[in-house]
């Protein structure tokens, strides 16, 4: 996977880029953990209310929803999904249509001071 360095508000993140359908479907479930300042970015050509679930994810995450390079929502502390049956998994959706999603370790968005309204550069 490619890596990308971005800035949200005043915080910098090193992100893995999920480009292919398979990479987007697997997401952070392929990782054993995320370090401080690391995450994964999912970019979409068409803005939609994309649903994310935690199938196979080993650790809690924060989901940062982005539209037109602006944070439009954050789900804090989304619980790990490893070992949970498919029928029991919850899907998480943005508050509005988005064209980008960033996943970081649980609590990282708050630690970095990332808020709704922050710009992505």
PDB file of N, CA and C in Angstrom:
ATOM      1  N   UNK A   1       0.834  -1.187   0.000  1.00  0.00           N
ATOM      2  CA  UNK A   1       0.000   0.000   0.000  1.00  0.00           C
ATOM      3  C   UNK A   1       0.874   1.245   0.000  1.00  0.00           C
ATOM      4  N   UNK A   2       0.435   2.240  -0.734  1.00  0.00           N
ATOM      5  CA  UNK A   2       1.128   3.525  -0.738  1.00  0.00           C
ATOM      6  C   UNK A   2       0.908   4.240   0.586  1.00  0.00           C
ATOM      7  N   UNK A   3       1.777   5.193   0.870  1.00  0.00           N
ATOM      8  CA  UNK A   3       1.630   6.027   2.055  1.00  0.00           C
ATOM      9  C   UNK A   3       1.442   7.470   1.624  1.00  0.00           C
ATOM     10  N   UNK A   4       0.752   8.208   2.477  1.00  0.00           N
ATOM     11  CA  UNK A   4       0.459   9.611   2.190  1.00  0.00           C
ATOM     12  C   UNK A   4       0.537  10.379   3.505  1.00  0.00           C
ATOM     13  N   UNK A   5       1.103  11.568   3.478  1.00  0.00           N
ATOM     14  CA  UNK A   5       1.168  12.429   4.669  1.00  0.00           C
ATOM     15  C   UNK A   5       0.168  13.559   4.467  1.00  0.00           C
ATOM     16  N   UNK A   6      -0.710  13.740   5.435  1.00  0.00           N
ATOM     17  CA  UNK A   6      -1.717  14.798   5.326  1.00  0.00           C
ATOM     18  C   UNK A   6      -1.744  15.624   6.617  1.00  0.00           C
ATOM     19  N   UNK A   7      -2.438  16.735   6.529  1.00  0.00           N
ATOM     20  CA  UNK A   7      -2.633  17.600   7.689  1.00  0.00           C
ATOM     21  C   UNK A   7      -4.130  17.819   7.850  1.00  0.00           C
ATOM     22  N   UNK A   8      -4.628  17.633   9.067  1.00  0.00           N
ATOM     23  CA  UNK A   8      -6.017  17.955   9.411  1.00  0.00           C
ATOM     24  C   UNK A   8      -5.952  18.989  10.521  1.00  0.00           C
ATOM     25  N   UNK A   9      -6.513  20.151  10.272  1.00  0.00           N
ATOM     26  CA  UNK A   9      -6.379  21.225  11.257  1.00  0.00           C
ATOM     27  C   UNK A   9      -4.900  21.493  11.464  1.00  0.00           C
ATOM     28  N   UNK A  10      -4.425  21.355  12.699  1.00  0.00           N
ATOM     29  CA  UNK A  10      -3.010  21.572  13.015  1.00  0.00           C
ATOM     30  C   UNK A  10      -2.244  20.265  13.184  1.00  0.00           C
ATOM     31  N   UNK A  11      -2.887  19.133  12.915  1.00  0.00           N
ATOM     32  CA  UNK A  11      -2.272  17.825  13.146  1.00  0.00           C
ATOM     33  C   UNK A  11      -1.836  17.163  11.845  1.00  0.00           C
ATOM     34  N   UNK A  12      -0.732  16.452  11.914  1.00  0.00           N
ATOM     35  CA  UNK A  12      -0.219  15.717  10.756  1.00  0.00           C
ATOM     36  C   UNK A  12      -0.390  14.224  10.995  1.00  0.00           C
ATOM     37  N   UNK A  13      -0.744  13.514   9.905  1.00  0.00           N
ATOM     38  CA  UNK A  13      -0.919  12.071   9.965  1.00  0.00           C
ATOM     39  C   UNK A  13      -0.177  11.395   8.827  1.00  0.00           C
ATOM     40  N   UNK A  14       0.375  10.231   9.104  1.00  0.00           N
ATOM     41  CA  UNK A  14       0.953   9.362   8.086  1.00  0.00           C
ATOM     42  C   UNK A  14      -0.068   8.267   7.818  1.00  0.00           C
ATOM     43  N   UNK A  15      -0.543   8.206   6.575  1.00  0.00           N
ATOM     44  CA  UNK A  15      -1.650   7.319   6.256  1.00  0.00           C
ATOM     45  C   UNK A  15      -1.293   6.308   5.182  1.00  0.00           C
ATOM     46  N   UNK A  16      -1.791   5.089   5.360  1.00  0.00           N
ATOM     47  CA  UNK A  16      -1.778   4.097   4.304  1.00  0.00           C
ATOM     48  C   UNK A  16      -2.951   4.418   3.396  1.00  0.00           C
ATOM     49  N   UNK A  17      -2.768   4.305   2.095  1.00  0.00           N
ATOM     50  CA  UNK A  17      -3.822   4.625   1.136  1.00  0.00           C
ATOM     51  C   UNK A  17      -4.482   3.332   0.657  1.00  0.00           C
ATOM     52  N   UNK A  18      -5.763   3.171   0.988  1.00  0.00           N
ATOM     53  CA  UNK A  18      -6.540   2.031   0.503  1.00  0.00           C
ATOM     54  C   UNK A  18      -7.089   2.427  -0.866  1.00  0.00           C
ATOM     55  N   UNK A  19      -6.522   1.845  -1.927  1.00  0.00           N
ATOM     56  CA  UNK A  19      -6.900   2.244  -3.289  1.00  0.00           C
ATOM     57  C   UNK A  19      -7.842   1.253  -3.952  1.00  0.00           C
ATOM     58  N   UNK A  20      -7.503  -0.016  -3.890  1.00  0.00           N
ATOM     59  CA  UNK A  20      -8.285  -1.025  -4.606  1.00  0.00           C
ATOM     60  C   UNK A  20      -9.530  -1.402  -3.817  1.00  0.00           C
ATOM     61  N   UNK A  21     -10.463  -2.043  -4.484  1.00  0.00           N
ATOM     62  CA  UNK A  21     -11.675  -2.503  -3.807  1.00  0.00           C
ATOM     63  C   UNK A  21     -11.306  -3.435  -2.652  1.00  0.00           C
ATOM     64  N   UNK A  22     -10.367  -4.339  -2.884  1.00  0.00           N
ATOM     65  CA  UNK A  22      -9.948  -5.299  -1.850  1.00  0.00           C
ATOM     66  C   UNK A  22      -9.327  -4.582  -0.660  1.00  0.00           C
ATOM     67  N   UNK A  23      -8.469  -3.594  -0.908  1.00  0.00           N
ATOM     68  CA  UNK A  23      -7.852  -2.833   0.180  1.00  0.00           C
ATOM     69  C   UNK A  23      -8.902  -2.058   0.967  1.00  0.00           C
ATOM     70  N   UNK A  24      -9.862  -1.466   0.272  1.00  0.00           N
ATOM     71  CA  UNK A  24     -10.919  -0.719   0.951  1.00  0.00           C
ATOM     72  C   UNK A  24     -11.807  -1.649   1.772  1.00  0.00           C
ATOM     73  N   UNK A  25     -12.097  -2.820   1.239  1.00  0.00           N
ATOM     74  CA  UNK A  25     -12.942  -3.768   1.946  1.00  0.00           C
ATOM     75  C   UNK A  25     -12.249  -4.272   3.218  1.00  0.00           C
ATOM     76  N   UNK A  26     -10.956  -4.542   3.152  1.00  0.00           N
ATOM     77  CA  UNK A  26     -10.210  -5.050   4.305  1.00  0.00           C
ATOM     78  C   UNK A  26      -9.918  -3.941   5.315  1.00  0.00           C
ATOM     79  N   UNK A  27      -9.618  -2.751   4.832  1.00  0.00           N
ATOM     80  CA  UNK A  27      -9.328  -1.628   5.724  1.00  0.00           C
ATOM     81  C   UNK A  27      -8.230  -1.946   6.717  1.00  0.00           C
ATOM     82  N   UNK A  28      -8.397  -1.484   7.959  1.00  0.00           N
ATOM     83  CA  UNK A  28      -7.370  -1.682   8.979  1.00  0.00           C
ATOM     84  C   UNK A  28      -7.397  -3.083   9.585  1.00  0.00           C
ATOM     85  N   UNK A  29      -8.294  -3.954   9.112  1.00  0.00           N
ATOM     86  CA  UNK A  29      -8.315  -5.325   9.642  1.00  0.00           C
ATOM     87  C   UNK A  29      -7.031  -6.075   9.289  1.00  0.00           C
ATOM     88  N   UNK A  30      -6.268  -5.592   8.306  1.00  0.00           N
ATOM     89  CA  UNK A  30      -5.010  -6.236   7.930  1.00  0.00           C
ATOM     90  C   UNK A  30      -3.868  -5.840   8.862  1.00  0.00           C
ATOM     91  N   UNK A  31      -4.120  -4.909   9.782  1.00  0.00           N
ATOM     92  CA  UNK A  31      -3.092  -4.419  10.698  1.00  0.00           C
ATOM     93  C   UNK A  31      -3.309  -4.975  12.101  1.00  0.00           C
ATOM     94  N   UNK A  32      -2.214  -5.159  12.841  1.00  0.00           N
ATOM     95  CA  UNK A  32      -2.346  -5.604  14.227  1.00  0.00           C
ATOM     96  C   UNK A  32      -2.547  -4.419  15.166  1.00  0.00           C
ATOM     97  N   UNK A  33      -2.147  -3.220  14.716  1.00  0.00           N
ATOM     98  CA  UNK A  33      -2.355  -1.992  15.499  1.00  0.00           C
ATOM     99  C   UNK A  33      -2.046  -0.790  14.622  1.00  0.00           C
ATOM    100  N   UNK A  34      -2.425   0.377  15.119  1.00  0.00           N
ATOM    101  CA  UNK A  34      -2.044   1.647  14.501  1.00  0.00           C
ATOM    102  C   UNK A  34      -1.245   2.432  15.524  1.00  0.00           C
ATOM    103  N   UNK A  35      -0.112   2.948  15.111  1.00  0.00           N
ATOM    104  CA  UNK A  35       0.727   3.753  15.996  1.00  0.00           C
ATOM    105  C   UNK A  35       0.174   5.178  16.083  1.00  0.00           C
ATOM    106  N   UNK A  36       0.660   5.936  17.043  1.00  0.00           N
ATOM    107  CA  UNK A  36       0.292   7.336  17.183  1.00  0.00           C
ATOM    108  C   UNK A  36       0.659   8.069  15.895  1.00  0.00           C
ATOM    109  N   UNK A  37      -0.280   8.857  15.366  1.00  0.00           N
ATOM    110  CA  UNK A  37      -0.031   9.630  14.159  1.00  0.00           C
ATOM    111  C   UNK A  37      -0.159   8.845  12.871  1.00  0.00           C
ATOM    112  N   UNK A  38      -0.644   7.592  12.961  1.00  0.00           N
ATOM    113  CA  UNK A  38      -0.817   6.771  11.771  1.00  0.00           C
ATOM    114  C   UNK A  38      -2.287   6.467  11.547  1.00  0.00           C
ATOM    115  N   UNK A  39      -2.623   6.097  10.314  1.00  0.00           N
ATOM    116  CA  UNK A  39      -3.988   5.724  10.001  1.00  0.00           C
ATOM    117  C   UNK A  39      -4.090   5.197   8.584  1.00  0.00           C
ATOM    118  N   UNK A  40      -5.320   5.121   8.110  1.00  0.00           N
ATOM    119  CA  UNK A  40      -5.592   4.676   6.746  1.00  0.00           C
ATOM    120  C   UNK A  40      -6.608   5.626   6.140  1.00  0.00           C
ATOM    121  N   UNK A  41      -6.412   5.935   4.851  1.00  0.00           N
ATOM    122  CA  UNK A  41      -7.315   6.845   4.151  1.00  0.00           C
ATOM    123  C   UNK A  41      -8.005   6.110   3.002  1.00  0.00           C
ATOM    124  N   UNK A  42      -9.289   6.387   2.864  1.00  0.00           N
ATOM    125  CA  UNK A  42     -10.119   5.832   1.805  1.00  0.00           C
ATOM    126  C   UNK A  42     -10.665   7.017   1.019  1.00  0.00           C
ATOM    127  N   UNK A  43     -10.331   7.113  -0.264  1.00  0.00           N
ATOM    128  CA  UNK A  43     -10.805   8.216  -1.091  1.00  0.00           C
ATOM    129  C   UNK A  43     -11.768   7.666  -2.132  1.00  0.00           C
ATOM    130  N   UNK A  44     -12.852   8.399  -2.362  1.00  0.00           N
ATOM    131  CA  UNK A  44     -13.894   7.966  -3.283  1.00  0.00           C
ATOM    132  C   UNK A  44     -14.145   9.053  -4.315  1.00  0.00           C
ATOM    133  N   UNK A  45     -14.408   8.642  -5.562  1.00  0.00           N
ATOM    134  CA  UNK A  45     -14.666   9.602  -6.643  1.00  0.00           C
ATOM    135  C   UNK A  45     -16.055  10.213  -6.535  1.00  0.00           C
ATOM    136  N   UNK A  46     -17.008   9.433  -6.016  1.00  0.00           N
ATOM    137  CA  UNK A  46     -18.391   9.892  -5.929  1.00  0.00           C
ATOM    138  C   UNK A  46     -18.786  10.029  -4.458  1.00  0.00           C
ATOM    139  N   UNK A  47     -19.202  11.219  -4.017  1.00  0.00           N
ATOM    140  CA  UNK A  47     -19.648  11.371  -2.631  1.00  0.00           C
ATOM    141  C   UNK A  47     -20.909  10.542  -2.371  1.00  0.00           C
ATOM    142  N   UNK A  48     -20.870   9.780  -1.291  1.00  0.00           N
ATOM    143  CA  UNK A  48     -22.011   8.956  -0.865  1.00  0.00           C
ATOM    144  C   UNK A  48     -21.947   8.789   0.641  1.00  0.00           C
ATOM    145  N   UNK A  49     -22.958   8.155   1.192  1.00  0.00           N
ATOM    146  CA  UNK A  49     -22.951   7.805   2.617  1.00  0.00           C
ATOM    147  C   UNK A  49     -22.415   6.374   2.735  1.00  0.00           C
ATOM    148  N   UNK A  50     -21.106   6.227   2.567  1.00  0.00           N
ATOM    149  CA  UNK A  50     -20.453   4.930   2.611  1.00  0.00           C
ATOM    150  C   UNK A  50     -20.544   4.342   4.013  1.00  0.00           C
ATOM    151  N   UNK A  51     -20.874   3.060   4.089  1.00  0.00           N
ATOM    152  CA  UNK A  51     -20.944   2.374   5.367  1.00  0.00           C
ATOM    153  C   UNK A  51     -19.648   1.631   5.655  1.00  0.00           C
ATOM    154  N   UNK A  52     -19.203   1.692   6.903  1.00  0.00           N
ATOM    155  CA  UNK A  52     -17.992   0.991   7.339  1.00  0.00           C
ATOM    156  C   UNK A  52     -18.360   0.073   8.489  1.00  0.00           C
ATOM    157  N   UNK A  53     -17.762  -1.109   8.496  1.00  0.00           N
ATOM    158  CA  UNK A  53     -17.956  -2.024   9.612  1.00  0.00           C
ATOM    159  C   UNK A  53     -16.590  -2.490  10.090  1.00  0.00           C
ATOM    160  N   UNK A  54     -16.574  -3.162  11.214  1.00  0.00           N
ATOM    161  CA  UNK A  54     -15.311  -3.484  11.871  1.00  0.00           C
ATOM    162  C   UNK A  54     -14.924  -4.957  11.730  1.00  0.00           C
ATOM    163  N   UNK A  55     -15.397  -5.611  10.705  1.00  0.00           N
ATOM    164  CA  UNK A  55     -15.116  -7.034  10.523  1.00  0.00           C
ATOM    165  C   UNK A  55     -13.610  -7.309  10.566  1.00  0.00           C
ATOM    166  N   UNK A  56     -13.192  -8.120  11.532  1.00  0.00           N
ATOM    167  CA  UNK A  56     -11.798  -8.530  11.654  1.00  0.00           C
ATOM    168  C   UNK A  56     -10.862  -7.506  12.264  1.00  0.00           C
ATOM    169  N   UNK A  57     -11.349  -6.322  12.614  1.00  0.00           N
ATOM    170  CA  UNK A  57     -10.494  -5.281  13.185  1.00  0.00           C
ATOM    171  C   UNK A  57     -10.169  -5.654  14.628  1.00  0.00           C
ATOM    172  N   UNK A  58      -8.894  -5.562  15.000  1.00  0.00           N
ATOM    173  CA  UNK A  58      -8.399  -6.042  16.302  1.00  0.00           C
ATOM    174  C   UNK A  58      -8.360  -4.982  17.395  1.00  0.00           C
ATOM    175  N   UNK A  59      -8.675  -3.737  17.075  1.00  0.00           N
ATOM    176  CA  UNK A  59      -8.520  -2.646  18.039  1.00  0.00           C
ATOM    177  C   UNK A  59      -9.561  -1.570  17.749  1.00  0.00           C
ATOM    178  N   UNK A  60      -9.941  -0.769  18.767  1.00  0.00           N
ATOM    179  CA  UNK A  60     -10.897   0.327  18.540  1.00  0.00           C
ATOM    180  C   UNK A  60     -10.281   1.399  17.635  1.00  0.00           C
ATOM    181  N   UNK A  61     -11.133   2.066  16.876  1.00  0.00           N
ATOM    182  CA  UNK A  61     -10.665   3.132  15.987  1.00  0.00           C
ATOM    183  C   UNK A  61     -11.585   4.349  16.090  1.00  0.00           C
ATOM    184  N   UNK A  62     -11.106   5.444  15.556  1.00  0.00           N
ATOM    185  CA  UNK A  62     -11.925   6.629  15.304  1.00  0.00           C
ATOM    186  C   UNK A  62     -12.101   6.711  13.793  1.00  0.00           C
ATOM    187  N   UNK A  63     -13.319   6.991  13.359  1.00  0.00           N
ATOM    188  CA  UNK A  63     -13.593   7.169  11.932  1.00  0.00           C
ATOM    189  C   UNK A  63     -13.834   8.649  11.690  1.00  0.00           C
ATOM    190  N   UNK A  64     -13.030   9.236  10.806  1.00  0.00           N
ATOM    191  CA  UNK A  64     -13.132  10.659  10.488  1.00  0.00           C
ATOM    192  C   UNK A  64     -13.733  10.776   9.091  1.00  0.00           C
ATOM    193  N   UNK A  65     -14.915  11.385   9.019  1.00  0.00           N
ATOM    194  CA  UNK A  65     -15.660  11.521   7.758  1.00  0.00           C
ATOM    195  C   UNK A  65     -15.339  12.872   7.133  1.00  0.00           C
ATOM    196  N   UNK A  66     -15.013  12.875   5.831  1.00  0.00           N
ATOM    197  CA  UNK A  66     -14.566  14.099   5.161  1.00  0.00           C
ATOM    198  C   UNK A  66     -15.331  14.309   3.861  1.00  0.00           C
ATOM    199  N   UNK A  67     -15.704  15.558   3.612  1.00  0.00           N
ATOM    200  CA  UNK A  67     -16.356  15.949   2.359  1.00  0.00           C
ATOM    201  C   UNK A  67     -15.684  17.212   1.860  1.00  0.00           C
ATOM    202  N   UNK A  68     -15.209  17.181   0.632  1.00  0.00           N
ATOM    203  CA  UNK A  68     -14.551  18.339   0.012  1.00  0.00           C
ATOM    204  C   UNK A  68     -13.448  18.907   0.911  1.00  0.00           C
ATOM    205  N   UNK A  69     -12.618  18.000   1.459  1.00  0.00           N
ATOM    206  CA  UNK A  69     -11.459  18.344   2.288  1.00  0.00           C
ATOM    207  C   UNK A  69     -11.814  19.039   3.595  1.00  0.00           C
ATOM    208  N   UNK A  70     -13.014  18.753   4.121  1.00  0.00           N
ATOM    209  CA  UNK A  70     -13.428  19.305   5.416  1.00  0.00           C
ATOM    210  C   UNK A  70     -14.027  18.184   6.264  1.00  0.00           C
ATOM    211  N   UNK A  71     -13.621  18.108   7.535  1.00  0.00           N
ATOM    212  CA  UNK A  71     -14.164  17.094   8.447  1.00  0.00           C
ATOM    213  C   UNK A  71     -15.632  17.411   8.704  1.00  0.00           C
ATOM    214  N   UNK A  72     -16.505  16.430   8.400  1.00  0.00           N
ATOM    215  CA  UNK A  72     -17.951  16.629   8.571  1.00  0.00           C
ATOM    216  C   UNK A  72     -18.526  15.745   9.675  1.00  0.00           C
ATOM    217  N   UNK A  73     -17.715  14.860  10.229  1.00  0.00           N
ATOM    218  CA  UNK A  73     -18.179  14.011  11.320  1.00  0.00           C
ATOM    219  C   UNK A  73     -17.053  13.135  11.824  1.00  0.00           C
ATOM    220  N   UNK A  74     -17.188  12.674  13.076  1.00  0.00           N
ATOM    221  CA  UNK A  74     -16.206  11.770  13.680  1.00  0.00           C
ATOM    222  C   UNK A  74     -16.957  10.768  14.550  1.00  0.00           C
ATOM    223  N   UNK A  75     -16.673   9.492  14.356  1.00  0.00           N
ATOM    224  CA  UNK A  75     -17.141   8.452  15.269  1.00  0.00           C
ATOM    225  C   UNK A  75     -15.947   8.103  16.155  1.00  0.00           C
ATOM    226  N   UNK A  76     -16.046   8.414  17.429  1.00  0.00           N
ATOM    227  CA  UNK A  76     -14.961   8.162  18.377  1.00  0.00           C
ATOM    228  C   UNK A  76     -15.100   6.768  18.988  1.00  0.00           C
ATOM    229  N   UNK A  77     -13.979   6.089  19.153  1.00  0.00           N
ATOM    230  CA  UNK A  77     -13.943   4.829  19.890  1.00  0.00           C
ATOM    231  C   UNK A  77     -14.828   3.729  19.341  1.00  0.00           C
ATOM    232  N   UNK A  78     -14.839   3.567  18.039  1.00  0.00           N
ATOM    233  CA  UNK A  78     -15.620   2.481  17.437  1.00  0.00           C
ATOM    234  C   UNK A  78     -14.971   1.166  17.873  1.00  0.00           C
ATOM    235  N   UNK A  79     -15.740   0.259  18.498  1.00  0.00           N
ATOM    236  CA  UNK A  79     -15.141  -0.957  19.060  1.00  0.00           C
ATOM    237  C   UNK A  79     -14.633  -1.927  17.995  1.00  0.00           C
ATOM    238  N   UNK A  80     -13.624  -2.711  18.391  1.00  0.00           N
ATOM    239  CA  UNK A  80     -13.064  -3.749  17.526  1.00  0.00           C
ATOM    240  C   UNK A  80     -14.155  -4.737  17.144  1.00  0.00           C
ATOM    241  N   UNK A  81     -13.977  -5.392  16.000  1.00  0.00           N
ATOM    242  CA  UNK A  81     -14.989  -6.326  15.523  1.00  0.00           C
ATOM    243  C   UNK A  81     -14.488  -7.748  15.369  1.00  0.00           C
ATOM    244  N   UNK A  82     -13.254  -8.001  15.730  1.00  0.00           N
ATOM    245  CA  UNK A  82     -12.694  -9.350  15.569  1.00  0.00           C
ATOM    246  C   UNK A  82     -13.446 -10.329  16.460  1.00  0.00           C
ATOM    247  N   UNK A  83     -13.882 -11.427  15.869  1.00  0.00           N
ATOM    248  CA  UNK A  83     -14.576 -12.463  16.618  1.00  0.00           C
ATOM    249  C   UNK A  83     -16.077 -12.263  16.733  1.00  0.00           C
ATOM    250  N   UNK A  84     -16.598 -11.172  16.179  1.00  0.00           N
ATOM    251  CA  UNK A  84     -18.033 -10.905  16.213  1.00  0.00           C
ATOM    252  C   UNK A  84     -18.648 -11.477  14.937  1.00  0.00           C
ATOM    253  N   UNK A  85     -19.784 -12.152  15.073  1.00  0.00           N
ATOM    254  CA  UNK A  85     -20.429 -12.747  13.899  1.00  0.00           C
ATOM    255  C   UNK A  85     -20.878 -11.659  12.925  1.00  0.00           C
ATOM    256  N   UNK A  86     -20.931 -12.021  11.645  1.00  0.00           N
ATOM    257  CA  UNK A  86     -21.340 -11.058  10.615  1.00  0.00           C
ATOM    258  C   UNK A  86     -22.707 -10.457  10.911  1.00  0.00           C
ATOM    259  N   UNK A  87     -23.608 -11.259  11.430  1.00  0.00           N
ATOM    260  CA  UNK A  87     -24.961 -10.776  11.715  1.00  0.00           C
ATOM    261  C   UNK A  87     -24.999  -9.783  12.867  1.00  0.00           C
ATOM    262  N   UNK A  88     -23.973  -9.804  13.710  1.00  0.00           N
ATOM    263  CA  UNK A  88     -23.936  -8.919  14.873  1.00  0.00           C
ATOM    264  C   UNK A  88     -23.140  -7.643  14.643  1.00  0.00           C
ATOM    265  N   UNK A  89     -22.431  -7.565  13.526  1.00  0.00           N
ATOM    266  CA  UNK A  89     -21.615  -6.380  13.262  1.00  0.00           C
ATOM    267  C   UNK A  89     -22.479  -5.157  12.966  1.00  0.00           C
ATOM    268  N   UNK A  90     -22.107  -4.042  13.547  1.00  0.00           N
ATOM    269  CA  UNK A  90     -22.791  -2.776  13.298  1.00  0.00           C
ATOM    270  C   UNK A  90     -22.090  -2.047  12.154  1.00  0.00           C
ATOM    271  N   UNK A  91     -22.857  -1.400  11.319  1.00  0.00           N
ATOM    272  CA  UNK A  91     -22.291  -0.550  10.271  1.00  0.00           C
ATOM    273  C   UNK A  91     -22.304   0.899  10.762  1.00  0.00           C
ATOM    274  N   UNK A  92     -21.284   1.638  10.391  1.00  0.00           N
ATOM    275  CA  UNK A  92     -21.157   3.048  10.769  1.00  0.00           C
ATOM    276  C   UNK A  92     -21.237   3.892   9.505  1.00  0.00           C
ATOM    277  N   UNK A  93     -22.040   4.952   9.573  1.00  0.00           N
ATOM    278  CA  UNK A  93     -22.284   5.805   8.417  1.00  0.00           C
ATOM    279  C   UNK A  93     -21.990   7.258   8.761  1.00  0.00           C
ATOM    280  N   UNK A  94     -21.570   8.040   7.768  1.00  0.00           N
ATOM    281  CA  UNK A  94     -21.316   9.462   8.009  1.00  0.00           C
ATOM    282  C   UNK A  94     -22.635  10.221   8.147  1.00  0.00           C
ATOM    283  N   UNK A  95     -22.576  11.416   8.734  1.00  0.00           N
ATOM    284  CA  UNK A  95     -23.796  12.218   8.885  1.00  0.00           C
ATOM    285  C   UNK A  95     -24.300  12.799   7.569  1.00  0.00           C
ATOM    286  N   UNK A  96     -23.407  12.925   6.599  1.00  0.00           N
ATOM    287  CA  UNK A  96     -23.729  13.439   5.258  1.00  0.00           C
ATOM    288  C   UNK A  96     -22.904  12.647   4.244  1.00  0.00           C
ATOM    289  N   UNK A  97     -23.150  12.879   2.962  1.00  0.00           N
ATOM    290  CA  UNK A  97     -22.327  12.214   1.942  1.00  0.00           C
ATOM    291  C   UNK A  97     -20.872  12.654   2.083  1.00  0.00           C
ATOM    292  N   UNK A  98     -19.957  11.708   1.883  1.00  0.00           N
ATOM    293  CA  UNK A  98     -18.524  11.989   2.015  1.00  0.00           C
ATOM    294  C   UNK A  98     -17.779  11.483   0.786  1.00  0.00           C
ATOM    295  N   UNK A  99     -16.577  12.028   0.585  1.00  0.00           N
ATOM    296  CA  UNK A  99     -15.720  11.548  -0.489  1.00  0.00           C
ATOM    297  C   UNK A  99     -14.380  11.046   0.023  1.00  0.00           C
ATOM    298  N   UNK A 100     -14.223  11.043   1.347  1.00  0.00           N
ATOM    299  CA  UNK A 100     -12.979  10.596   1.959  1.00  0.00           C
ATOM    300  C   UNK A 100     -13.264  10.149   3.390  1.00  0.00           C
ATOM    301  N   UNK A 101     -12.566   9.104   3.815  1.00  0.00           N
ATOM    302  CA  UNK A 101     -12.697   8.599   5.186  1.00  0.00           C
ATOM    303  C   UNK A 101     -11.295   8.288   5.695  1.00  0.00           C
ATOM    304  N   UNK A 102     -11.035   8.663   6.936  1.00  0.00           N
ATOM    305  CA  UNK A 102      -9.753   8.346   7.568  1.00  0.00           C
ATOM    306  C   UNK A 102     -10.040   7.554   8.835  1.00  0.00           C
ATOM    307  N   UNK A 103      -9.303   6.463   9.016  1.00  0.00           N
ATOM    308  CA  UNK A 103      -9.390   5.673  10.238  1.00  0.00           C
ATOM    309  C   UNK A 103      -8.075   5.803  10.997  1.00  0.00           C
ATOM    310  N   UNK A 104      -8.181   6.120  12.281  1.00  0.00           N
ATOM    311  CA  UNK A 104      -7.025   6.218  13.173  1.00  0.00           C
ATOM    312  C   UNK A 104      -7.334   5.391  14.412  1.00  0.00           C
ATOM    313  N   UNK A 105      -6.333   5.138  15.229  1.00  0.00           N
ATOM    314  CA  UNK A 105      -6.539   4.380  16.460  1.00  0.00           C
ATOM    315  C   UNK A 105      -7.564   5.083  17.349  1.00  0.00           C
ATOM    316  N   UNK A 106      -8.319   4.309  18.102  1.00  0.00           N
ATOM    317  CA  UNK A 106      -9.322   4.871  19.004  1.00  0.00           C
ATOM    318  C   UNK A 106      -8.710   5.892  19.949  1.00  0.00           C
ATOM    319  N   UNK A 107      -9.320   7.060  20.059  1.00  0.00           N
ATOM    320  CA  UNK A 107      -8.844   8.143  20.918  1.00  0.00           C
ATOM    321  C   UNK A 107      -7.878   9.092  20.238  1.00  0.00           C
ATOM    322  N   UNK A 108      -7.385   8.714  19.070  1.00  0.00           N
ATOM    323  CA  UNK A 108      -6.384   9.528  18.376  1.00  0.00           C
ATOM    324  C   UNK A 108      -6.958  10.851  17.868  1.00  0.00           C
ATOM    325  N   UNK A 109      -8.197  10.852  17.378  1.00  0.00           N
ATOM    326  CA  UNK A 109      -8.795  12.096  16.884  1.00  0.00           C
ATOM    327  C   UNK A 109      -8.871  13.132  18.012  1.00  0.00           C
ATOM    328  N   UNK A 110      -9.279  12.692  19.184  1.00  0.00           N
ATOM    329  CA  UNK A 110      -9.358  13.619  20.325  1.00  0.00           C
ATOM    330  C   UNK A 110      -7.959  14.053  20.772  1.00  0.00           C
ATOM    331  N   UNK A 111      -7.038  13.101  20.847  1.00  0.00           N
ATOM    332  CA  UNK A 111      -5.666  13.417  21.272  1.00  0.00           C
ATOM    333  C   UNK A 111      -5.028  14.460  20.355  1.00  0.00           C
ATOM    334  N   UNK A 112      -5.313  14.348  19.053  1.00  0.00           N
ATOM    335  CA  UNK A 112      -4.743  15.283  18.081  1.00  0.00           C
ATOM    336  C   UNK A 112      -5.554  16.574  17.950  1.00  0.00           C
ATOM    337  N   UNK A 113      -6.701  16.630  18.598  1.00  0.00           N
ATOM    338  CA  UNK A 113      -7.522  17.833  18.523  1.00  0.00           C
ATOM    339  C   UNK A 113      -8.247  17.983  17.203  1.00  0.00           C
ATOM    340  N   UNK A 114      -8.554  16.859  16.545  1.00  0.00           N
ATOM    341  CA  UNK A 114      -9.276  16.906  15.270  1.00  0.00           C
ATOM    342  C   UNK A 114     -10.755  17.100  15.557  1.00  0.00           C
ATOM    343  N   UNK A 115     -11.366  18.080  14.891  1.00  0.00           N
ATOM    344  CA  UNK A 115     -12.761  18.440  15.128  1.00  0.00           C
ATOM    345  C   UNK A 115     -13.522  18.611  13.832  1.00  0.00           C
ATOM    346  N   UNK A 116     -14.840  18.476  13.911  1.00  0.00           N
ATOM    347  CA  UNK A 116     -15.706  18.786  12.762  1.00  0.00           C
ATOM    348  C   UNK A 116     -15.423  20.232  12.356  1.00  0.00           C
ATOM    349  N   UNK A 117     -15.287  20.445  11.057  1.00  0.00           N
ATOM    350  CA  UNK A 117     -14.975  21.774  10.525  1.00  0.00           C
ATOM    351  C   UNK A 117     -13.513  21.945  10.159  1.00  0.00           C
ATOM    352  N   UNK A 118     -12.636  21.076  10.678  1.00  0.00           N
ATOM    353  CA  UNK A 118     -11.216  21.166  10.334  1.00  0.00           C
ATOM    354  C   UNK A 118     -10.997  20.870   8.855  1.00  0.00           C
ATOM    355  N   UNK A 119     -10.005  21.522   8.273  1.00  0.00           N
ATOM    356  CA  UNK A 119      -9.654  21.314   6.868  1.00  0.00           C
ATOM    357  C   UNK A 119      -8.597  20.241   6.716  1.00  0.00           C
ATOM    358  N   UNK A 120      -8.666  19.507   5.619  1.00  0.00           N
ATOM    359  CA  UNK A 120      -7.680  18.498   5.255  1.00  0.00           C
ATOM    360  C   UNK A 120      -6.791  19.091   4.167  1.00  0.00           C
ATOM    361  N   UNK A 121      -5.474  19.050   4.388  1.00  0.00           N
ATOM    362  CA  UNK A 121      -4.539  19.561   3.369  1.00  0.00           C
ATOM    363  C   UNK A 121      -3.413  18.571   3.167  1.00  0.00           C
TER     364      UNK A 121
END
